[in-house]
Amino acid sequence: MIMLAAVSLAIGWPAAGAAQPARPDTARTRTVIIEGMRFRPQNLIVRRGERVKWINKDPFPHTVTATDGRFDSHAIGPDGSWTYVARKAGEYDYTCIFHATMKGKLVVLDHDDKH
């Protein structure tokens, strides 16, 4: 056992039971609440690679559908959710296809953009 620990340390592996360094959160999740026939927040700015999670708090289904077709959640039932990973920088208007008055905007920035 002592020999194995010495070999582990010699090649850079942590010893058994040693604390592992914390990994940075590379995929942060942002939340949009769907409630009262509205997206809150209505406009959301994220960085490329972040996740956006829409949670439906209304008692009936909604969708999160980009007007340019980039994403579509399909029906999100009551107390349901849908998550999208923002992979391409740009501005994306979206709506609920069941309720045309519900509108939102997702702005995706490149990692090096300052905002």
Protein backbone atom coordinates (compact mmCIF):
# COMPACT_ATOMS: atom_id res chain seq x y z
CA MET A 1 0.00 0.00 0.00
CA ILE A 2 2.85 2.39 0.85
CA MET A 3 4.55 1.54 -2.44
CA LEU A 4 1.33 2.35 -4.39
CA ALA A 5 1.01 5.74 -2.64
CA ALA A 6 4.65 6.56 -3.46
CA VAL A 7 4.14 5.65 -7.13
CA SER A 8 0.94 7.74 -7.27
CA LEU A 9 2.71 10.79 -5.90
CA ALA A 10 5.71 10.29 -8.19
CA ILE A 11 3.58 10.39 -11.33
CA GLY A 12 1.30 13.19 -10.15
CA TRP A 13 -1.80 11.25 -9.16
CA PRO A 14 -3.43 12.29 -5.90
CA ALA A 15 -3.09 9.85 -3.04
CA ALA A 16 -6.14 7.73 -2.24
CA GLY A 17 -8.65 9.77 -0.25
CA ALA A 18 -6.98 13.07 -1.13
CA ALA A 19 -9.31 15.99 -1.84
CA GLN A 20 -9.78 16.70 -5.54
CA PRO A 21 -9.43 20.29 -6.76
CA ALA A 22 -12.73 22.01 -7.54
CA ARG A 23 -13.58 22.22 -11.23
CA PRO A 24 -14.79 25.54 -12.55
CA ASP A 25 -18.47 25.72 -13.52
CA THR A 26 -18.10 25.68 -17.29
CA ALA A 27 -21.80 25.32 -18.06
CA ARG A 28 -23.72 27.75 -15.89
CA THR A 29 -27.52 27.42 -16.02
CA ARG A 30 -29.77 30.49 -16.21
CA THR A 31 -33.50 30.24 -15.53
CA VAL A 32 -36.54 31.78 -17.18
CA ILE A 33 -39.86 31.37 -15.37
CA ILE A 34 -43.02 31.03 -17.45
CA GLU A 35 -45.87 32.33 -15.32
CA GLY A 36 -48.91 34.54 -15.80
CA MET A 37 -48.60 34.16 -19.59
CA ARG A 38 -45.13 35.81 -19.52
CA PHE A 39 -41.47 34.87 -19.76
CA ARG A 40 -39.52 36.27 -16.79
CA PRO A 41 -37.10 37.71 -17.53
CA GLN A 42 -38.42 38.62 -20.95
CA ASN A 43 -34.91 39.40 -22.24
CA LEU A 44 -31.95 37.31 -21.13
CA ILE A 45 -28.26 37.76 -21.94
CA VAL A 46 -26.01 34.69 -21.63
CA ARG A 47 -22.55 33.65 -22.79
CA ARG A 48 -21.99 30.99 -25.41
CA GLY A 49 -21.99 27.56 -23.74
CA GLU A 50 -24.36 28.50 -20.92
CA ARG A 51 -27.60 26.62 -20.41
CA VAL A 52 -30.98 28.29 -20.24
CA LYS A 53 -33.79 26.47 -18.44
CA TRP A 54 -37.41 27.52 -18.91
CA ILE A 55 -39.75 26.39 -16.12
CA ASN A 56 -43.52 26.45 -16.71
CA LYS A 57 -45.40 27.59 -13.59
CA ASP A 58 -48.71 28.09 -15.43
CA PRO A 59 -51.50 25.47 -15.26
CA PHE A 60 -51.39 24.90 -19.04
CA PRO A 61 -48.67 24.13 -21.64
CA HIS A 62 -46.40 26.66 -23.35
CA THR A 63 -43.57 26.48 -25.87
CA VAL A 64 -40.26 28.27 -26.28
CA THR A 65 -39.99 28.58 -30.06
CA ALA A 66 -37.36 30.74 -31.80
CA THR A 67 -38.84 32.81 -34.61
CA ASP A 68 -35.89 31.84 -36.85
CA GLY A 69 -36.33 28.11 -36.11
CA ARG A 70 -33.04 27.76 -34.17
CA PHE A 71 -34.78 26.07 -31.21
CA ASP A 72 -38.19 24.72 -30.26
CA SER A 73 -39.08 23.21 -26.92
CA HIS A 74 -42.38 21.77 -28.14
CA ALA A 75 -45.07 21.71 -25.43
CA ILE A 76 -43.81 22.22 -21.88
CA GLY A 77 -46.55 21.02 -19.53
CA PRO A 78 -47.46 22.53 -16.16
CA ASP A 79 -44.53 22.24 -13.71
CA GLY A 80 -42.39 21.03 -16.61
CA SER A 81 -39.14 22.49 -17.89
CA TRP A 82 -36.95 22.58 -20.97
CA THR A 83 -33.22 23.34 -21.22
CA TYR A 84 -31.31 24.78 -24.17
CA VAL A 85 -27.53 25.16 -24.50
CA ALA A 86 -26.66 28.47 -26.17
CA ARG A 87 -23.98 27.40 -28.65
CA LYS A 88 -23.97 30.22 -31.24
CA ALA A 89 -23.66 33.95 -30.54
CA GLY A 90 -26.54 36.10 -31.71
CA GLU A 91 -29.94 37.51 -30.80
CA TYR A 92 -32.88 35.12 -30.86
CA ASP A 93 -36.48 36.25 -30.53
CA TYR A 94 -38.84 33.55 -29.33
CA THR A 95 -42.51 33.07 -28.60
CA CYS A 96 -45.03 30.56 -27.33
CA ILE A 97 -46.77 29.09 -30.37
CA PHE A 98 -49.92 28.56 -28.28
CA HIS A 99 -50.03 32.19 -27.05
CA ALA A 100 -48.74 34.68 -29.64
CA THR A 101 -48.63 37.56 -27.14
CA MET A 102 -45.91 35.78 -25.15
CA LYS A 103 -42.55 36.97 -26.47
CA GLY A 104 -38.97 36.82 -25.27
CA LYS A 105 -35.43 37.41 -26.45
CA LEU A 106 -32.27 35.41 -25.83
CA VAL A 107 -28.99 37.25 -26.48
CA VAL A 108 -25.96 34.96 -26.68
CA LEU A 109 -22.55 36.62 -26.38
CA ASP A 110 -19.19 35.16 -27.35
CA HIS A 111 -16.95 34.38 -24.38
CA ASP A 112 -14.79 37.45 -25.02
CA ASP A 113 -17.68 39.92 -25.46
CA LYS A 114 -17.94 42.55 -22.75
CA HIS A 115 -21.43 43.39 -21.58
